[in-house]
C-alpha atoms as a PDB file:
ATOM      1  CA  MET A   1     104.774 108.755  75.156  1.00  0.00           C
ATOM      2  CA  LEU A   2     105.878 111.562  77.536  1.00  0.00           C
ATOM      3  CA  SER A   3     109.674 112.086  77.934  1.00  0.00           C
ATOM      4  CA  ILE A   4     109.463 111.617  81.711  1.00  0.00           C
ATOM      5  CA  GLU A   5     107.760 108.138  81.072  1.00  0.00           C
ATOM      6  CA  ARG A   6     110.543 107.165  78.658  1.00  0.00           C
ATOM      7  CA  LEU A   7     113.003 108.131  81.606  1.00  0.00           C
ATOM      8  CA  ALA A   8     111.150 106.098  83.858  1.00  0.00           C
ATOM      9  CA  ARG A   9     111.320 103.048  81.834  1.00  0.00           C
ATOM     10  CA  ARG A  10     115.092 103.412  81.469  1.00  0.00           C
ATOM     11  CA  TYR A  11     115.453 104.033  85.050  1.00  0.00           C
ATOM     12  CA  TRP A  12     113.398 100.922  85.944  1.00  0.00           C
ATOM     13  CA  ASP A  13     115.424  98.891  83.448  1.00  0.00           C
ATOM     14  CA  ALA A  14     118.575  99.942  85.449  1.00  0.00           C
ATOM     15  CA  GLU A  15     116.794  99.226  88.663  1.00  0.00           C
ATOM     16  CA  GLU A  16     115.840  95.629  87.284  1.00  0.00           C
ATOM     17  CA  SER A  17     119.446  95.148  86.593  1.00  0.00           C
ATOM     18  CA  ARG A  18     120.032  95.594  90.394  1.00  0.00           C
ATOM     19  CA  ASP A  19     123.194  97.816  89.514  1.00  0.00           C
ATOM     20  CA  VAL A  20     122.991 100.585  92.017  1.00  0.00           C
ATOM     21  CA  THR A  21     125.692 102.752  90.179  1.00  0.00           C
ATOM     22  CA  ALA A  22     123.498 102.460  87.025  1.00  0.00           C
ATOM     23  CA  ILE A  23     120.384 103.249  88.894  1.00  0.00           C
ATOM     24  CA  LEU A  24     121.978 106.442  90.435  1.00  0.00           C
ATOM     25  CA  SER A  25     123.015 107.465  86.909  1.00  0.00           C
ATOM     26  CA  TYR A  26     119.415 108.353  86.251  1.00  0.00           C
ATOM     27  CA  PHE A  27     119.341 110.986  89.172  1.00  0.00           C
ATOM     28  CA  ARG A  28     120.816 114.534  89.193  1.00  0.00           C
ATOM     29  CA  PRO A  29     123.489 114.627  91.847  1.00  0.00           C
ATOM     30  CA  ASP A  30     121.282 116.846  93.876  1.00  0.00           C
ATOM     31  CA  ALA A  31     118.116 114.981  93.257  1.00  0.00           C
ATOM     32  CA  GLN A  32     115.413 114.495  95.941  1.00  0.00           C
ATOM     33  CA  TRP A  33     113.898 110.956  96.749  1.00  0.00           C
ATOM     34  CA  HIS A  34     110.937 110.501  98.936  1.00  0.00           C
ATOM     35  CA  GLY A  35     109.179 107.370  99.943  1.00  0.00           C
ATOM     36  CA  PRO A  36     107.387 105.635 102.720  1.00  0.00           C
ATOM     37  CA  GLY A  37     109.339 106.735 105.881  1.00  0.00           C
ATOM     38  CA  ARG A  38     112.474 107.883 104.057  1.00  0.00           C
ATOM     39  CA  ASP A  39     113.540 111.220 102.602  1.00  0.00           C
ATOM     40  CA  SER A  40     116.953 111.404 100.701  1.00  0.00           C
ATOM     41  CA  VAL A  41     118.834 114.104  98.794  1.00  0.00           C
ATOM     42  CA  GLY A  42     121.646 113.430  96.818  1.00  0.00           C
ATOM     43  CA  HIS A  43     123.357 110.400  95.441  1.00  0.00           C
ATOM     44  CA  ALA A  44     124.895 109.203  98.850  1.00  0.00           C
ATOM     45  CA  GLU A  45     121.499 109.239 100.742  1.00  0.00           C
ATOM     46  CA  ILE A  46     119.524 107.755  97.759  1.00  0.00           C
ATOM     47  CA  ARG A  47     122.066 105.048  97.267  1.00  0.00           C
ATOM     48  CA  GLY A  48     121.194 103.874 100.731  1.00  0.00           C
ATOM     49  CA  PHE A  49     117.709 102.905  99.679  1.00  0.00           C
ATOM     50  CA  TYR A  50     118.751 101.183  96.625  1.00  0.00           C
ATOM     51  CA  ASP A  51     121.646  99.244  98.462  1.00  0.00           C
ATOM     52  CA  GLU A  52     118.825  98.001 100.917  1.00  0.00           C
ATOM     53  CA  SER A  53     116.453  97.198  98.130  1.00  0.00           C
ATOM     54  CA  VAL A  54     118.999  95.097  96.114  1.00  0.00           C
ATOM     55  CA  ALA A  55     120.109  93.392  99.193  1.00  0.00           C
ATOM     56  CA  GLY A  56     116.651  92.309 100.094  1.00  0.00           C
ATOM     57  CA  PHE A  57     115.157  91.620  96.736  1.00  0.00           C
ATOM     58  CA  PRO A  58     117.893  90.590  94.248  1.00  0.00           C
ATOM     59  CA  VAL A  59     115.318  90.039  91.482  1.00  0.00           C
ATOM     60  CA  LEU A  60     112.939  92.674  90.219  1.00  0.00           C
ATOM     61  CA  ALA A  61     110.649  93.238  87.235  1.00  0.00           C
ATOM     62  CA  VAL A  62     108.622  96.464  86.915  1.00  0.00           C
ATOM     63  CA  ARG A  63     105.913  97.345  84.513  1.00  0.00           C
ATOM     64  CA  ILE A  64     104.457 100.911  83.877  1.00  0.00           C
ATOM     65  CA  THR A  65     100.657 100.691  83.943  1.00  0.00           C
ATOM     66  CA  ASP A  66      99.780 104.300  83.252  1.00  0.00           C
ATOM     67  CA  ALA A  67     101.402 107.783  83.172  1.00  0.00           C
ATOM     68  CA  ILE A  68      99.919 111.241  82.957  1.00  0.00           C
ATOM     69  CA  GLY A  69     101.528 114.584  83.020  1.00  0.00           C
ATOM     70  CA  THR A  70     103.897 116.680  80.974  1.00  0.00           C
ATOM     71  CA  ASP A  71     107.378 115.841  79.334  1.00  0.00           C
ATOM     72  CA  ASP A  72     109.120 117.055  82.410  1.00  0.00           C
ATOM     73  CA  ARG A  73     106.653 116.159  85.278  1.00  0.00           C
ATOM     74  CA  ALA A  74     104.398 113.166  85.502  1.00  0.00           C
ATOM     75  CA  ALA A  75     102.592 110.534  87.824  1.00  0.00           C
ATOM     76  CA  VAL A  76     103.785 107.069  86.677  1.00  0.00           C
ATOM     77  CA  GLN A  77     101.657 103.987  88.074  1.00  0.00           C
ATOM     78  CA  TRP A  78     103.620 100.723  88.274  1.00  0.00           C
ATOM     79  CA  CYS A  79     103.450  97.275  89.207  1.00  0.00           C
ATOM     80  CA  ALA A  80     106.569  95.247  90.559  1.00  0.00           C
ATOM     81  CA  ALA A  81     107.383  91.652  90.871  1.00  0.00           C
ATOM     82  CA  LEU A  82     110.122  91.028  93.499  1.00  0.00           C
ATOM     83  CA  THR A  83     111.962  87.868  94.551  1.00  0.00           C
ATOM     84  CA  ASP A  84     113.740  87.932  98.049  1.00  0.00           C
ATOM     85  CA  THR A  85     116.932  86.293  99.096  1.00  0.00           C
ATOM     86  CA  GLU A  86     115.070  83.180 100.174  1.00  0.00           C
ATOM     87  CA  GLY A  87     113.409  82.964  96.769  1.00  0.00           C
ATOM     88  CA  ARG A  88     110.112  83.898  97.789  1.00  0.00           C
ATOM     89  CA  PHE A  89     108.005  85.902  95.521  1.00  0.00           C
ATOM     90  CA  HIS A  90     106.327  89.294  96.234  1.00  0.00           C
ATOM     91  CA  GLN A  91     104.192  92.002  94.397  1.00  0.00           C
ATOM     92  CA  LEU A  92     104.071  95.845  94.888  1.00  0.00           C
ATOM     93  CA  HIS A  93     102.005  98.321  93.302  1.00  0.00           C
ATOM     94  CA  GLY A  94     102.600 102.141  93.451  1.00  0.00           C
ATOM     95  CA  VAL A  95     102.759 105.563  91.841  1.00  0.00           C
ATOM     96  CA  ASN A  96     105.889 107.765  91.358  1.00  0.00           C
ATOM     97  CA  ILE A  97     105.428 111.434  91.134  1.00  0.00           C
ATOM     98  CA  MET A  98     108.628 112.214  88.905  1.00  0.00           C
ATOM     99  CA  GLU A  99     110.274 115.458  87.736  1.00  0.00           C
ATOM    100  CA  GLY A 100     113.406 115.875  85.563  1.00  0.00           C
ATOM    101  CA  THR A 101     114.597 116.087  81.942  1.00  0.00           C
ATOM    102  CA  ALA A 102     114.711 113.496  79.213  1.00  0.00           C
ATOM    103  CA  ASP A 103     118.014 112.274  80.851  1.00  0.00           C
ATOM    104  CA  GLN A 104     117.867 112.545  84.568  1.00  0.00           C
ATOM    105  CA  ILE A 105     115.400 112.623  87.586  1.00  0.00           C
ATOM    106  CA  SER A 106     115.623 115.675  89.783  1.00  0.00           C
ATOM    107  CA  PHE A 107     112.625 114.786  92.161  1.00  0.00           C
ATOM    108  CA  LEU A 108     110.920 111.564  92.828  1.00  0.00           C
ATOM    109  CA  ARG A 109     108.281 110.778  95.330  1.00  0.00           C
ATOM    110  CA  THR A 110     106.992 107.161  95.431  1.00  0.00           C
ATOM    111  CA  TYR A 111     103.739 106.078  96.861  1.00  0.00           C
ATOM    112  CA  PHE A 112     103.356 102.368  97.796  1.00  0.00           C
ATOM    113  CA  ASP A 113     102.194 100.238 100.638  1.00  0.00           C
ATOM    114  CA  PRO A 114     105.262  98.542 102.110  1.00  0.00           C
ATOM    115  CA  SER A 115     103.094  95.999 103.838  1.00  0.00           C
ATOM    116  CA  GLU A 116     102.451  94.497 100.410  1.00  0.00           C
ATOM    117  CA  LEU A 117     106.011  93.174 100.565  1.00  0.00           C
ATOM    118  CA  ASP A 118     105.115  91.005 103.695  1.00  0.00           C
ATOM    119  CA  THR A 119     102.720  88.871 101.560  1.00  0.00           C
ATOM    120  CA  VAL A 120     104.502  85.882 100.046  1.00  0.00           C
ATOM    121  CA  LEU A 121     103.014  84.546  96.850  1.00  0.00           C
ATOM    122  CA  ASP A 122     102.988  80.703  95.795  1.00  0.00           C
ATOM    123  CA  GLN A 123     104.633  81.275  92.473  1.00  0.00           C
ATOM    124  CA  PRO A 124     106.469  84.121  90.499  1.00  0.00           C
ATOM    125  CA  HIS A 125     103.931  86.636  88.993  1.00  0.00           C
ATOM    126  CA  ALA A 126     105.067  88.860  86.222  1.00  0.00           C
ATOM    127  CA  ALA A 127     104.635  92.464  87.018  1.00  0.00           C
ATOM    128  CA  HIS A 128     101.139  93.160  85.837  1.00  0.00           C
END
């Protein structure tokens, strides 16, 4: 397993806890985060994305489905199962391009289709 893949798993464990401070501990203070419609640099800006995510989806499970790259730079494919504040279930798929050390992310670009979150599922689905 790539070092960056292990880091991604620990980062997603923190994200599943929905503890924004724990999530940010996996980012360097000057890290860059890029996603659909949003570019953030540094903990204060990155926190904004995670604060919104936690507020909108208080329950999250993420599974890594593939990873390719080197120990410090990789593309990590994932699937997420989310529950919104009304108890409705959603699924999201994407890929993160990540750079960093074994301990912290310096660059993350996430690719996913935000419209997937508009689809409400009848029952909870494990991240698959």
